Amino acid sequence: MSKLRKVSIIILTLNKWEYTRRCLESLLLPPFRPLELILIDNGSTDGTVERLKEFASTAKAQGIEVSLRFNEVNVGAVTGRNQGLEMLSGKFVCFLDNDIVVRSLSWLSRMLEELDAHPEIGAICPKLIFPFEPFNIQYAGLVISPNGRADYIGRGKSRSEPEFNIRRELQATISACMIMPVDVVSKVGPLDEEFNPVQFEDIDYSYRIRELGKKVVYLPEVEMYHFENVTTNIIRPGMGLKKATIVNGLKFKKKWRHVFSKEDGPDDSDMNWEELPKVPLSEIGELKTMP
């Protein structure tokens, strides 16, 4: 495969090694090459750094390029990903959370085929499903209300329901698994560090991509497992997930109200974030893959 098809995957880590291990080991399964993994650690204290070094040797032996960066402290997800953007050498870049596990082995090939067939696409995301039975949807795209409230499409619903298996253009996507051509990223620039440490930086980035005249698209035939709120549950002292969501949500609304207020997003009354049952990692066995 030509170097022109190389994909650079940027993954942040901060402790939680057992989740990261599942993520990284799943990336060894697909035959897609050339592939570059850019692993940025934000100050782990649980042995993650040593294990990342060990994994790098394993991945390189399988023909995967690996670049490592170890921050002494948690510089924030936004800054960490920007560091990754400065290190990449691929023609496509993927933001991937360290609590994602590959389900569709052909995920990269399928998403690149979609980008090739539709040059108007600036970012593409797959269907994310919970990693436990009955493997319902965790995420099938994002919607923004005219008031600026964000909600996941299909959360908690059956992955087989027809309405969540239609390719669609989105207002925005989250960055748990988000692939973009590097030439688009070069035009958009780095993530806005005003959204540090995390929350809404990816939604802001989606709107910046769309501002270029590009589209953000959901591709349902590609599925990935996602352990919800494992990555973003680790925030800086004094800045919990709820506070970060509120603070950065207000920044997003101020910046993009002139756009989302005129879009055909759902009413706030139609949005209901249901607290779904969680399954401990220790109770989750081997996760099956599909072509």
C-alpha atoms as a PDB file:
ATOM      1  CA  MET A   1       0.000   0.000   0.000  1.00  0.00           C
ATOM      2  CA  SER A   2       1.320   3.415  -0.931  1.00  0.00           C
ATOM      3  CA  LYS A   3       2.710   5.769   1.700  1.00  0.00           C
ATOM      4  CA  LEU A   4       0.089   8.159   0.385  1.00  0.00           C
ATOM      5  CA  ARG A   5      -2.450   6.038   2.304  1.00  0.00           C
ATOM      6  CA  LYS A   6      -0.699   6.148   5.665  1.00  0.00           C
ATOM      7  CA  VAL A   7      -2.985   6.791   8.637  1.00  0.00           C
ATOM      8  CA  SER A   8      -1.632   8.394  11.808  1.00  0.00           C
ATOM      9  CA  ILE A   9      -3.644   7.485  14.916  1.00  0.00           C
ATOM     10  CA  ILE A  10      -3.277   9.805  17.917  1.00  0.00           C
ATOM     11  CA  ILE A  11      -4.070   8.232  21.299  1.00  0.00           C
ATOM     12  CA  LEU A  12      -3.797   9.923  24.693  1.00  0.00           C
ATOM     13  CA  THR A  13      -3.198   7.954  27.870  1.00  0.00           C
ATOM     14  CA  LEU A  14      -3.453   8.783  31.565  1.00  0.00           C
ATOM     15  CA  ASN A  15      -3.374   5.691  33.757  1.00  0.00           C
ATOM     16  CA  LYS A  16      -6.206   3.145  33.151  1.00  0.00           C
ATOM     17  CA  TRP A  17      -3.703   0.784  31.526  1.00  0.00           C
ATOM     18  CA  GLU A  18      -6.080  -2.183  31.172  1.00  0.00           C
ATOM     19  CA  TYR A  19      -8.351  -0.125  28.908  1.00  0.00           C
ATOM     20  CA  THR A  20      -5.375   1.146  26.908  1.00  0.00           C
ATOM     21  CA  ARG A  21      -4.031  -2.401  26.569  1.00  0.00           C
ATOM     22  CA  ARG A  22      -7.276  -3.615  25.003  1.00  0.00           C
ATOM     23  CA  CYS A  23      -7.304  -0.653  22.647  1.00  0.00           C
ATOM     24  CA  LEU A  24      -3.721  -1.062  21.488  1.00  0.00           C
ATOM     25  CA  GLU A  25      -3.868  -4.841  21.115  1.00  0.00           C
ATOM     26  CA  SER A  26      -6.996  -4.497  18.979  1.00  0.00           C
ATOM     27  CA  LEU A  27      -5.117  -2.148  16.638  1.00  0.00           C
ATOM     28  CA  LEU A  28      -2.661  -4.946  15.871  1.00  0.00           C
ATOM     29  CA  LEU A  29      -5.432  -7.143  14.448  1.00  0.00           C
ATOM     30  CA  PRO A  30      -6.428  -5.350  11.211  1.00  0.00           C
ATOM     31  CA  PRO A  31      -4.014  -5.909   8.308  1.00  0.00           C
ATOM     32  CA  PHE A  32      -4.114  -2.229   7.295  1.00  0.00           C
ATOM     33  CA  ARG A  33      -0.697  -0.740   6.579  1.00  0.00           C
ATOM     34  CA  PRO A  34       1.036   1.697   6.533  1.00  0.00           C
ATOM     35  CA  LEU A  35      -0.070   2.705   9.993  1.00  0.00           C
ATOM     36  CA  GLU A  36       1.459   5.102  12.492  1.00  0.00           C
ATOM     37  CA  LEU A  37       0.535   5.182  16.174  1.00  0.00           C
ATOM     38  CA  ILE A  38       1.285   8.385  18.058  1.00  0.00           C
ATOM     39  CA  LEU A  39       0.977   7.700  21.779  1.00  0.00           C
ATOM     40  CA  ILE A  40       0.927  10.703  24.105  1.00  0.00           C
ATOM     41  CA  ASP A  41       0.988  10.043  27.842  1.00  0.00           C
ATOM     42  CA  ASN A  42      -0.244  12.776  30.161  1.00  0.00           C
ATOM     43  CA  GLY A  43       1.599  11.932  33.359  1.00  0.00           C
ATOM     44  CA  SER A  44       0.557   8.350  34.150  1.00  0.00           C
ATOM     45  CA  THR A  45       1.675   6.894  37.483  1.00  0.00           C
ATOM     46  CA  ASP A  46       0.407   3.318  37.130  1.00  0.00           C
ATOM     47  CA  GLY A  47       3.162   1.867  34.967  1.00  0.00           C
ATOM     48  CA  THR A  48       1.524   2.892  31.693  1.00  0.00           C
ATOM     49  CA  VAL A  49       4.717   4.575  30.440  1.00  0.00           C
ATOM     50  CA  GLU A  50       6.783   1.392  30.740  1.00  0.00           C
ATOM     51  CA  ARG A  51       4.056  -0.681  29.134  1.00  0.00           C
ATOM     52  CA  LEU A  52       3.733   1.755  26.235  1.00  0.00           C
ATOM     53  CA  LYS A  53       7.444   1.317  25.546  1.00  0.00           C
ATOM     54  CA  GLU A  54       7.003  -2.453  25.544  1.00  0.00           C
ATOM     55  CA  PHE A  55       4.005  -2.211  23.225  1.00  0.00           C
ATOM     56  CA  ALA A  56       5.952   0.023  20.828  1.00  0.00           C
ATOM     57  CA  SER A  57       8.474  -2.773  20.288  1.00  0.00           C
ATOM     58  CA  THR A  58       5.684  -5.277  19.634  1.00  0.00           C
ATOM     59  CA  ALA A  59       3.928  -2.972  17.152  1.00  0.00           C
ATOM     60  CA  LYS A  60       7.131  -2.124  15.286  1.00  0.00           C
ATOM     61  CA  ALA A  61       7.823  -5.852  14.856  1.00  0.00           C
ATOM     62  CA  GLN A  62       4.464  -6.050  13.067  1.00  0.00           C
ATOM     63  CA  GLY A  63       5.240  -3.244  10.642  1.00  0.00           C
ATOM     64  CA  ILE A  64       3.522  -0.421  12.554  1.00  0.00           C
ATOM     65  CA  GLU A  65       5.348   2.852  13.142  1.00  0.00           C
ATOM     66  CA  VAL A  66       5.158   4.137  16.721  1.00  0.00           C
ATOM     67  CA  SER A  67       6.028   7.563  18.108  1.00  0.00           C
ATOM     68  CA  LEU A  68       5.953   8.209  21.847  1.00  0.00           C
ATOM     69  CA  ARG A  69       5.745  11.361  23.932  1.00  0.00           C
ATOM     70  CA  PHE A  70       5.659  11.402  27.719  1.00  0.00           C
ATOM     71  CA  ASN A  71       4.401  14.556  29.417  1.00  0.00           C
ATOM     72  CA  GLU A  72       5.430  14.888  33.054  1.00  0.00           C
ATOM     73  CA  VAL A  73       2.000  16.227  33.984  1.00  0.00           C
ATOM     74  CA  ASN A  74      -1.506  16.223  32.523  1.00  0.00           C
ATOM     75  CA  VAL A  75      -1.342  19.006  29.947  1.00  0.00           C
ATOM     76  CA  GLY A  76      -4.978  18.434  28.958  1.00  0.00           C
ATOM     77  CA  ALA A  77      -6.531  16.398  26.166  1.00  0.00           C
ATOM     78  CA  VAL A  78      -6.576  19.369  23.801  1.00  0.00           C
ATOM     79  CA  THR A  79      -2.884  20.195  24.205  1.00  0.00           C
ATOM     80  CA  GLY A  80      -1.985  16.501  24.115  1.00  0.00           C
ATOM     81  CA  ARG A  81      -3.734  15.961  20.806  1.00  0.00           C
ATOM     82  CA  ASN A  82      -2.162  19.095  19.378  1.00  0.00           C
ATOM     83  CA  GLN A  83       1.214  17.651  20.308  1.00  0.00           C
ATOM     84  CA  GLY A  84       0.225  14.562  18.343  1.00  0.00           C
ATOM     85  CA  LEU A  85      -0.743  16.642  15.318  1.00  0.00           C
ATOM     86  CA  GLU A  86       2.775  18.098  15.301  1.00  0.00           C
ATOM     87  CA  MET A  87       4.288  14.590  15.222  1.00  0.00           C
ATOM     88  CA  LEU A  88       2.271  12.860  12.499  1.00  0.00           C
ATOM     89  CA  SER A  89       3.599  11.809   9.117  1.00  0.00           C
ATOM     90  CA  GLY A  90       0.485  10.253   7.565  1.00  0.00           C
ATOM     91  CA  LYS A  91      -1.882  11.570   4.922  1.00  0.00           C
ATOM     92  CA  PHE A  92      -4.863  10.884   7.180  1.00  0.00           C
ATOM     93  CA  VAL A  93      -5.166  11.429  10.919  1.00  0.00           C
ATOM     94  CA  CYS A  94      -7.419   9.685  13.417  1.00  0.00           C
ATOM     95  CA  PHE A  95      -8.206  10.859  16.927  1.00  0.00           C
ATOM     96  CA  LEU A  96      -8.867   7.692  18.936  1.00  0.00           C
ATOM     97  CA  ASP A  97      -9.752   7.408  22.618  1.00  0.00           C
ATOM     98  CA  ASN A  98      -7.790   4.847  24.600  1.00  0.00           C
ATOM     99  CA  ASP A  99     -11.065   3.185  25.623  1.00  0.00           C
ATOM    100  CA  ILE A 100     -11.965   2.278  22.035  1.00  0.00           C
ATOM    101  CA  VAL A 101     -11.586  -1.356  20.909  1.00  0.00           C
ATOM    102  CA  VAL A 102     -11.709  -2.387  17.249  1.00  0.00           C
ATOM    103  CA  ARG A 103     -14.815  -4.311  16.189  1.00  0.00           C
ATOM    104  CA  SER A 104     -14.777  -3.851  12.384  1.00  0.00           C
ATOM    105  CA  LEU A 105     -11.398  -5.150  11.210  1.00  0.00           C
ATOM    106  CA  SER A 106     -11.776  -3.239   7.944  1.00  0.00           C
ATOM    107  CA  TRP A 107     -12.547   0.030   9.735  1.00  0.00           C
ATOM    108  CA  LEU A 108      -9.683   2.038   8.269  1.00  0.00           C
ATOM    109  CA  SER A 109     -10.060   0.737   4.724  1.00  0.00           C
ATOM    110  CA  ARG A 110     -13.795   1.429   4.705  1.00  0.00           C
ATOM    111  CA  MET A 111     -13.452   4.924   6.063  1.00  0.00           C
ATOM    112  CA  LEU A 112     -10.689   5.811   3.621  1.00  0.00           C
ATOM    113  CA  GLU A 113     -12.799   4.455   0.760  1.00  0.00           C
ATOM    114  CA  GLU A 114     -15.573   6.813   1.856  1.00  0.00           C
ATOM    115  CA  LEU A 115     -13.182   9.760   1.960  1.00  0.00           C
ATOM    116  CA  ASP A 116     -11.832   8.862  -1.467  1.00  0.00           C
ATOM    117  CA  ALA A 117     -15.306   8.583  -2.970  1.00  0.00           C
ATOM    118  CA  HIS A 118     -16.467  11.858  -1.425  1.00  0.00           C
ATOM    119  CA  PRO A 119     -13.741  14.542  -1.381  1.00  0.00           C
ATOM    120  CA  GLU A 120     -16.259  16.958   0.126  1.00  0.00           C
ATOM    121  CA  ILE A 121     -15.971  15.057   3.446  1.00  0.00           C
ATOM    122  CA  GLY A 122     -13.707  16.686   6.017  1.00  0.00           C
ATOM    123  CA  ALA A 123     -14.261  14.248   8.890  1.00  0.00           C
ATOM    124  CA  ILE A 124     -15.846  10.844   9.285  1.00  0.00           C
ATOM    125  CA  CYS A 125     -16.908   8.804  12.311  1.00  0.00           C
ATOM    126  CA  PRO A 126     -18.174   5.234  12.843  1.00  0.00           C
ATOM    127  CA  LYS A 127     -20.944   3.750  14.963  1.00  0.00           C
ATOM    128  CA  LEU A 128     -19.786   3.241  18.554  1.00  0.00           C
ATOM    129  CA  ILE A 129     -21.325   0.436  20.588  1.00  0.00           C
ATOM    130  CA  PHE A 130     -21.156  -0.574  24.235  1.00  0.00           C
ATOM    131  CA  PRO A 131     -18.721  -3.481  24.828  1.00  0.00           C
ATOM    132  CA  PHE A 132     -21.220  -5.708  26.627  1.00  0.00           C
ATOM    133  CA  GLU A 133     -24.411  -7.524  25.717  1.00  0.00           C
ATOM    134  CA  PRO A 134     -26.697  -6.700  24.004  1.00  0.00           C
ATOM    135  CA  PHE A 135     -24.052  -4.409  22.396  1.00  0.00           C
ATOM    136  CA  ASN A 136     -26.369  -1.454  22.026  1.00  0.00           C
ATOM    137  CA  ILE A 137     -25.388   1.859  20.509  1.00  0.00           C
ATOM    138  CA  GLN A 138     -23.241   4.251  22.504  1.00  0.00           C
ATOM    139  CA  TYR A 139     -23.001   6.815  19.716  1.00  0.00           C
ATOM    140  CA  ALA A 140     -24.426   7.151  16.202  1.00  0.00           C
ATOM    141  CA  GLY A 141     -23.599  10.781  15.564  1.00  0.00           C
ATOM    142  CA  LEU A 142     -24.147  14.100  17.301  1.00  0.00           C
ATOM    143  CA  VAL A 143     -26.934  16.661  17.174  1.00  0.00           C
ATOM    144  CA  ILE A 144     -26.977  20.251  18.424  1.00  0.00           C
ATOM    145  CA  SER A 145     -30.208  22.000  19.376  1.00  0.00           C
ATOM    146  CA  PRO A 146     -30.913  25.603  18.293  1.00  0.00           C
ATOM    147  CA  ASN A 147     -30.004  26.534  21.886  1.00  0.00           C
ATOM    148  CA  GLY A 148     -26.619  24.814  21.647  1.00  0.00           C
ATOM    149  CA  ARG A 149     -27.331  21.663  23.639  1.00  0.00           C
ATOM    150  CA  ALA A 150     -25.456  18.567  22.393  1.00  0.00           C
ATOM    151  CA  ASP A 151     -26.823  15.026  22.374  1.00  0.00           C
ATOM    152  CA  TYR A 152     -25.811  11.608  21.062  1.00  0.00           C
ATOM    153  CA  ILE A 153     -27.946   9.970  18.398  1.00  0.00           C
ATOM    154  CA  GLY A 154     -29.127   6.446  19.215  1.00  0.00           C
ATOM    155  CA  ARG A 155     -27.547   6.116  22.666  1.00  0.00           C
ATOM    156  CA  GLY A 156     -28.844   2.948  24.339  1.00  0.00           C
ATOM    157  CA  LYS A 157     -30.761   1.817  21.260  1.00  0.00           C
ATOM    158  CA  SER A 158     -30.353  -1.428  19.322  1.00  0.00           C
ATOM    159  CA  ARG A 159     -27.482  -1.327  16.838  1.00  0.00           C
ATOM    160  CA  SER A 160     -29.706  -3.056  14.271  1.00  0.00           C
ATOM    161  CA  GLU A 161     -32.460  -0.419  14.174  1.00  0.00           C
ATOM    162  CA  PRO A 162     -32.727   0.898  10.589  1.00  0.00           C
ATOM    163  CA  GLU A 163     -32.693   4.582  11.513  1.00  0.00           C
ATOM    164  CA  PHE A 164     -29.201   4.228  12.990  1.00  0.00           C
ATOM    165  CA  ASN A 165     -27.860   2.334   9.996  1.00  0.00           C
ATOM    166  CA  ILE A 166     -28.177   5.146   7.491  1.00  0.00           C
ATOM    167  CA  ARG A 167     -25.154   7.136   6.381  1.00  0.00           C
ATOM    168  CA  ARG A 168     -25.817  10.737   7.308  1.00  0.00           C
ATOM    169  CA  GLU A 169     -24.272  14.155   7.345  1.00  0.00           C
ATOM    170  CA  LEU A 170     -23.815  15.499  10.879  1.00  0.00           C
ATOM    171  CA  GLN A 171     -23.698  18.871  12.529  1.00  0.00           C
ATOM    172  CA  ALA A 172     -20.653  17.655  14.453  1.00  0.00           C
ATOM    173  CA  THR A 173     -18.950  14.584  15.855  1.00  0.00           C
ATOM    174  CA  ILE A 174     -17.059  13.639  18.983  1.00  0.00           C
ATOM    175  CA  SER A 175     -13.392  12.701  18.730  1.00  0.00           C
ATOM    176  CA  ALA A 176     -13.572   9.231  20.312  1.00  0.00           C
ATOM    177  CA  CYS A 177     -12.984   7.946  16.781  1.00  0.00           C
ATOM    178  CA  MET A 178     -12.698  10.633  14.114  1.00  0.00           C
ATOM    179  CA  ILE A 179     -10.732  10.412  10.851  1.00  0.00           C
ATOM    180  CA  MET A 180      -9.731  13.396   8.714  1.00  0.00           C
ATOM    181  CA  PRO A 181      -7.492  14.042   5.695  1.00  0.00           C
ATOM    182  CA  VAL A 182      -4.339  15.804   6.828  1.00  0.00           C
ATOM    183  CA  ASP A 183      -4.773  18.479   4.188  1.00  0.00           C
ATOM    184  CA  VAL A 184      -8.076  19.419   5.858  1.00  0.00           C
ATOM    185  CA  VAL A 185      -6.448  19.478   9.303  1.00  0.00           C
ATOM    186  CA  SER A 186      -3.681  21.698   7.934  1.00  0.00           C
ATOM    187  CA  LYS A 187      -6.273  24.233   6.795  1.00  0.00           C
ATOM    188  CA  VAL A 188      -8.301  24.097  10.025  1.00  0.00           C
ATOM    189  CA  GLY A 189      -5.259  24.277  12.284  1.00  0.00           C
ATOM    190  CA  PRO A 190      -4.798  22.861  15.792  1.00  0.00           C
ATOM    191  CA  LEU A 191      -7.562  22.225  18.282  1.00  0.00           C
ATOM    192  CA  ASP A 192      -8.589  25.327  20.204  1.00  0.00           C
ATOM    193  CA  GLU A 193      -6.769  25.164  23.545  1.00  0.00           C
ATOM    194  CA  GLU A 194      -9.385  27.454  25.075  1.00  0.00           C
ATOM    195  CA  PHE A 195     -11.290  24.171  25.539  1.00  0.00           C
ATOM    196  CA  ASN A 196      -8.599  22.572  27.714  1.00  0.00           C
ATOM    197  CA  PRO A 197      -8.565  20.198  29.475  1.00  0.00           C
ATOM    198  CA  VAL A 198     -11.430  18.544  27.526  1.00  0.00           C
ATOM    199  CA  GLN A 199     -15.054  18.774  26.316  1.00  0.00           C
ATOM    200  CA  PHE A 200     -16.465  20.536  23.221  1.00  0.00           C
ATOM    201  CA  GLU A 201     -13.044  20.903  21.552  1.00  0.00           C
ATOM    202  CA  ASP A 202     -14.066  18.212  19.061  1.00  0.00           C
ATOM    203  CA  ILE A 203     -17.487  19.742  18.416  1.00  0.00           C
ATOM    204  CA  ASP A 204     -15.809  23.106  17.870  1.00  0.00           C
ATOM    205  CA  TYR A 205     -13.380  21.404  15.475  1.00  0.00           C
ATOM    206  CA  SER A 206     -16.287  19.892  13.544  1.00  0.00           C
ATOM    207  CA  TYR A 207     -17.799  23.333  13.037  1.00  0.00           C
ATOM    208  CA  ARG A 208     -14.430  24.671  11.941  1.00  0.00           C
ATOM    209  CA  ILE A 209     -14.203  21.862   9.375  1.00  0.00           C
ATOM    210  CA  ARG A 210     -17.676  22.712   8.116  1.00  0.00           C
ATOM    211  CA  GLU A 211     -16.702  26.377   7.953  1.00  0.00           C
ATOM    212  CA  LEU A 212     -14.264  25.322   5.204  1.00  0.00           C
ATOM    213  CA  GLY A 213     -17.204  23.976   3.221  1.00  0.00           C
ATOM    214  CA  LYS A 214     -16.436  20.363   4.163  1.00  0.00           C
ATOM    215  CA  LYS A 215     -18.885  17.800   5.562  1.00  0.00           C
ATOM    216  CA  VAL A 216     -18.869  15.715   8.746  1.00  0.00           C
ATOM    217  CA  VAL A 217     -20.278  12.251   8.059  1.00  0.00           C
ATOM    218  CA  TYR A 218     -21.430   9.214  10.079  1.00  0.00           C
ATOM    219  CA  LEU A 219     -20.645   5.797   8.556  1.00  0.00           C
ATOM    220  CA  PRO A 220     -22.801   3.153  10.308  1.00  0.00           C
ATOM    221  CA  GLU A 221     -21.360   0.035   8.673  1.00  0.00           C
ATOM    222  CA  VAL A 222     -18.141   0.578  10.607  1.00  0.00           C
ATOM    223  CA  GLU A 223     -18.510  -0.330  14.282  1.00  0.00           C
ATOM    224  CA  MET A 224     -16.151   0.148  17.217  1.00  0.00           C
ATOM    225  CA  TYR A 225     -16.534  -0.741  20.888  1.00  0.00           C
ATOM    226  CA  HIS A 226     -16.401   2.185  23.314  1.00  0.00           C
ATOM    227  CA  PHE A 227     -16.138   2.133  27.110  1.00  0.00           C
ATOM    228  CA  GLU A 228     -18.053   5.306  27.942  1.00  0.00           C
ATOM    229  CA  ASN A 229     -16.419   8.107  29.960  1.00  0.00           C
ATOM    230  CA  VAL A 230     -13.213   6.255  30.779  1.00  0.00           C
ATOM    231  CA  THR A 231     -10.909   8.726  29.039  1.00  0.00           C
ATOM    232  CA  THR A 232     -12.731  11.940  29.929  1.00  0.00           C
ATOM    233  CA  ASN A 233     -13.447  10.817  33.495  1.00  0.00           C
ATOM    234  CA  ILE A 234      -9.885  11.833  34.367  1.00  0.00           C
ATOM    235  CA  ILE A 235      -9.809  15.605  34.589  1.00  0.00           C
ATOM    236  CA  ARG A 236      -7.564  18.083  36.343  1.00  0.00           C
ATOM    237  CA  PRO A 237      -8.011  18.747  40.074  1.00  0.00           C
ATOM    238  CA  GLY A 238     -10.812  21.259  40.531  1.00  0.00           C
ATOM    239  CA  MET A 239     -12.180  20.563  37.052  1.00  0.00           C
ATOM    240  CA  GLY A 240     -14.492  17.555  37.033  1.00  0.00           C
ATOM    241  CA  LEU A 241     -16.232  16.269  33.936  1.00  0.00           C
ATOM    242  CA  LYS A 242     -19.523  18.033  34.707  1.00  0.00           C
ATOM    243  CA  LYS A 243     -17.820  21.369  35.354  1.00  0.00           C
ATOM    244  CA  ALA A 244     -15.717  21.063  32.189  1.00  0.00           C
ATOM    245  CA  THR A 245     -18.860  20.287  30.201  1.00  0.00           C
ATOM    246  CA  ILE A 246     -20.668  23.357  31.546  1.00  0.00           C
ATOM    247  CA  VAL A 247     -17.731  25.766  31.212  1.00  0.00           C
ATOM    248  CA  ASN A 248     -16.741  24.662  27.716  1.00  0.00           C
ATOM    249  CA  GLY A 249     -20.349  24.306  26.619  1.00  0.00           C
ATOM    250  CA  LEU A 250     -20.803  28.006  27.280  1.00  0.00           C
ATOM    251  CA  LYS A 251     -17.663  28.801  25.271  1.00  0.00           C
ATOM    252  CA  PHE A 252     -18.969  26.734  22.367  1.00  0.00           C
ATOM    253  CA  LYS A 253     -22.368  28.419  22.452  1.00  0.00           C
ATOM    254  CA  LYS A 254     -20.842  31.883  22.414  1.00  0.00           C
ATOM    255  CA  LYS A 255     -18.553  31.004  19.513  1.00  0.00           C
ATOM    256  CA  TRP A 256     -21.027  29.165  17.258  1.00  0.00           C
ATOM    257  CA  ARG A 257     -24.506  30.396  18.190  1.00  0.00           C
ATOM    258  CA  HIS A 258     -24.717  32.266  14.896  1.00  0.00           C
ATOM    259  CA  VAL A 259     -24.533  28.869  13.146  1.00  0.00           C
ATOM    260  CA  PHE A 260     -26.327  26.257  15.261  1.00  0.00           C
ATOM    261  CA  SER A 261     -29.221  28.577  16.101  1.00  0.00           C
ATOM    262  CA  LYS A 262     -30.151  28.562  12.416  1.00  0.00           C
ATOM    263  CA  GLU A 263     -29.696  24.811  11.897  1.00  0.00           C
ATOM    264  CA  ASP A 264     -32.423  22.209  11.937  1.00  0.00           C
ATOM    265  CA  GLY A 265     -31.322  20.600  15.209  1.00  0.00           C
ATOM    266  CA  PRO A 266     -33.807  18.950  17.596  1.00  0.00           C
ATOM    267  CA  ASP A 267     -35.507  20.819  20.424  1.00  0.00           C
ATOM    268  CA  ASP A 268     -34.005  20.622  23.888  1.00  0.00           C
ATOM    269  CA  SER A 269     -37.163  18.795  25.019  1.00  0.00           C
ATOM    270  CA  ASP A 270     -36.297  15.929  22.683  1.00  0.00           C
ATOM    271  CA  MET A 271     -32.939  15.391  24.361  1.00  0.00           C
ATOM    272  CA  ASN A 272     -32.688  13.109  27.374  1.00  0.00           C
ATOM    273  CA  TRP A 273     -29.328  11.780  28.566  1.00  0.00           C
ATOM    274  CA  GLU A 274     -30.323   8.511  30.196  1.00  0.00           C
ATOM    275  CA  GLU A 275     -27.955   7.000  32.763  1.00  0.00           C
ATOM    276  CA  LEU A 276     -27.382   3.485  31.457  1.00  0.00           C
ATOM    277  CA  PRO A 277     -26.069   0.463  33.403  1.00  0.00           C
ATOM    278  CA  LYS A 278     -22.300   0.066  33.443  1.00  0.00           C
ATOM    279  CA  VAL A 279     -20.355  -3.194  33.355  1.00  0.00           C
ATOM    280  CA  PRO A 280     -16.944  -3.397  35.099  1.00  0.00           C
ATOM    281  CA  LEU A 281     -13.992  -4.124  32.842  1.00  0.00           C
ATOM    282  CA  SER A 282     -13.276  -7.258  34.874  1.00  0.00           C
ATOM    283  CA  GLU A 283     -16.615  -8.713  33.750  1.00  0.00           C
ATOM    284  CA  ILE A 284     -16.054  -8.086  30.044  1.00  0.00           C
ATOM    285  CA  GLY A 285     -14.521 -11.023  28.240  1.00  0.00           C
ATOM    286  CA  GLU A 286     -13.051 -11.253  24.762  1.00  0.00           C
ATOM    287  CA  LEU A 287     -14.749  -8.883  22.341  1.00  0.00           C
ATOM    288  CA  LYS A 288     -15.628 -10.359  18.974  1.00  0.00           C
ATOM    289  CA  THR A 289     -14.546  -8.740  15.756  1.00  0.00           C
ATOM    290  CA  MET A 290     -16.294  -8.580  12.398  1.00  0.00           C
ATOM    291  CA  PRO A 291     -14.956  -8.111   8.841  1.00  0.00           C
END
